[in-house]
Amino acid sequence: MRPRSKALVLSTLSSSAPALVWRQADADFYVATLDGQYAGFVTTGSVPATFDAESGHGADLGAHTSPEAAAAAVADAAAPARSAPSRTRRRSARTAAPRPRRHSYDRH
């Protein structure tokens, strides 16, 4: 990474994932934490002009063409899963109660 872009990368990473805290661990290695827990990293890719991202659980989040895109991938992976609202089935007052099941051994 060019020295000139380091400040840009840090500020961009922080702004693209406001819930994450980014820290520079090495010249081209940035680590993200979420509530003090490891959330992933972004580093310069093995292919020129790419940035690799990895989640906090070790999942490869791919090579990206910008540090912003790599940081967004880490942020998406670190975001809490949205659970669907639970639905409880309620029996309508108009619905008749189910008939009890009869088993063959109940017959006399």
Protein backbone atom coordinates (compact mmCIF):
# COMPACT_ATOMS: atom_id res chain seq x y z
CA MET A 1 0.00 0.00 0.00
CA ARG A 2 1.25 3.49 -0.70
CA PRO A 3 1.86 5.59 2.43
CA ARG A 4 -0.38 8.32 1.06
CA SER A 5 -3.43 6.00 0.98
CA LYS A 6 -3.08 4.63 4.54
CA ALA A 7 -4.97 7.51 6.14
CA LEU A 8 -7.60 7.26 3.44
CA VAL A 9 -8.00 3.53 4.04
CA LEU A 10 -8.36 3.93 7.80
CA SER A 11 -10.92 6.70 7.53
CA THR A 12 -12.79 4.90 4.76
CA LEU A 13 -12.85 1.63 6.66
CA SER A 14 -14.22 3.36 9.73
CA SER A 15 -16.89 5.23 7.83
CA SER A 16 -18.03 2.23 5.77
CA ALA A 17 -18.62 0.14 8.90
CA PRO A 18 -19.56 2.49 11.75
CA ALA A 19 -20.27 -0.33 14.21
CA LEU A 20 -16.80 -1.76 13.70
CA VAL A 21 -13.57 -0.42 15.17
CA TRP A 22 -10.66 -0.71 12.74
CA ARG A 23 -7.02 -0.78 13.82
CA GLN A 24 -3.92 -0.94 11.68
CA ALA A 25 -1.93 -4.00 12.73
CA ASP A 26 0.75 -3.74 10.03
CA ALA A 27 1.55 -1.60 7.00
CA ASP A 28 -1.14 -3.30 4.91
CA PHE A 29 -3.18 -5.21 7.50
CA TYR A 30 -6.30 -3.82 9.22
CA VAL A 31 -8.19 -5.64 11.96
CA ALA A 32 -11.84 -5.03 12.83
CA THR A 33 -13.46 -5.53 16.22
CA LEU A 34 -17.10 -5.36 17.17
CA ASP A 35 -17.85 -4.77 20.85
CA GLY A 36 -14.27 -5.76 21.67
CA GLN A 37 -14.51 -9.08 19.80
CA TYR A 38 -12.50 -9.93 16.70
CA ALA A 39 -14.66 -9.34 13.61
CA GLY A 40 -12.29 -9.87 10.68
CA PHE A 41 -9.54 -8.25 8.67
CA VAL A 42 -8.64 -6.53 5.41
CA THR A 43 -5.22 -6.77 3.84
CA THR A 44 -3.55 -6.10 0.52
CA GLY A 45 -4.34 -8.98 -1.82
CA SER A 46 -1.89 -11.31 -3.48
CA VAL A 47 -3.04 -9.98 -6.85
CA PRO A 48 -1.99 -6.34 -7.42
CA ALA A 49 -4.66 -3.71 -6.71
CA THR A 50 -6.87 -6.09 -4.71
CA PHE A 51 -7.81 -6.25 -1.05
CA ASP A 52 -8.57 -9.54 0.70
CA ALA A 53 -11.18 -9.77 3.43
CA GLU A 54 -11.80 -12.44 6.03
CA SER A 55 -14.60 -12.71 8.57
CA GLY A 56 -14.16 -13.07 12.30
CA HIS A 57 -14.93 -16.78 11.92
CA GLY A 58 -12.23 -17.34 9.32
CA ALA A 59 -14.48 -17.33 6.26
CA ASP A 60 -12.81 -16.04 3.10
CA LEU A 61 -14.83 -13.00 2.03
CA GLY A 62 -13.02 -12.70 -1.29
CA ALA A 63 -10.69 -10.33 -3.09
CA HIS A 64 -12.05 -6.83 -3.66
CA THR A 65 -10.98 -3.99 -5.92
CA SER A 66 -11.03 -1.40 -3.13
CA PRO A 67 -10.47 -1.30 0.63
CA GLU A 68 -14.00 0.07 0.99
CA ALA A 69 -15.51 -2.99 -0.69
CA ALA A 70 -13.39 -5.33 1.46
CA ALA A 71 -14.39 -3.44 4.63
CA ALA A 72 -18.06 -3.62 3.61
CA ALA A 73 -17.74 -7.40 3.22
CA VAL A 74 -16.31 -7.66 6.75
CA ALA A 75 -19.06 -5.38 8.08
CA ASP A 76 -21.77 -7.48 6.42
CA ALA A 77 -20.29 -10.68 7.85
CA ALA A 78 -20.04 -9.12 11.33
CA ALA A 79 -23.59 -7.74 11.34
CA PRO A 80 -25.95 -9.64 13.62
CA ALA A 81 -28.26 -11.95 11.73
CA ARG A 82 -31.72 -10.57 11.39
CA SER A 83 -34.19 -13.09 12.63
CA ALA A 84 -37.65 -13.25 11.23
CA PRO A 85 -40.34 -12.31 13.71
CA SER A 86 -41.72 -15.39 15.36
CA ARG A 87 -45.26 -16.26 14.47
CA THR A 88 -47.46 -18.06 16.85
CA ARG A 89 -50.47 -19.80 15.46
CA ARG A 90 -53.59 -18.82 17.23
CA ARG A 91 -56.80 -20.67 16.88
CA SER A 92 -59.66 -18.52 15.80
CA ALA A 93 -62.69 -18.48 18.05
CA ARG A 94 -64.71 -19.62 15.04
CA THR A 95 -62.52 -22.63 14.44
CA ALA A 96 -63.82 -25.80 15.98
CA ALA A 97 -61.57 -27.64 18.38
CA PRO A 98 -59.82 -30.57 16.77
CA ARG A 99 -61.44 -33.95 17.26
CA PRO A 100 -59.52 -36.29 19.52
CA ARG A 101 -57.60 -38.95 17.65
CA ARG A 102 -58.75 -42.51 18.13
CA HIS A 103 -56.31 -45.32 18.05
CA SER A 104 -57.12 -48.91 17.14
CA TYR A 105 -56.47 -49.97 20.72
CA ASP A 106 -59.15 -47.49 21.95
CA ARG A 107 -61.98 -49.42 20.24
CA HIS A 108 -64.03 -51.75 22.41
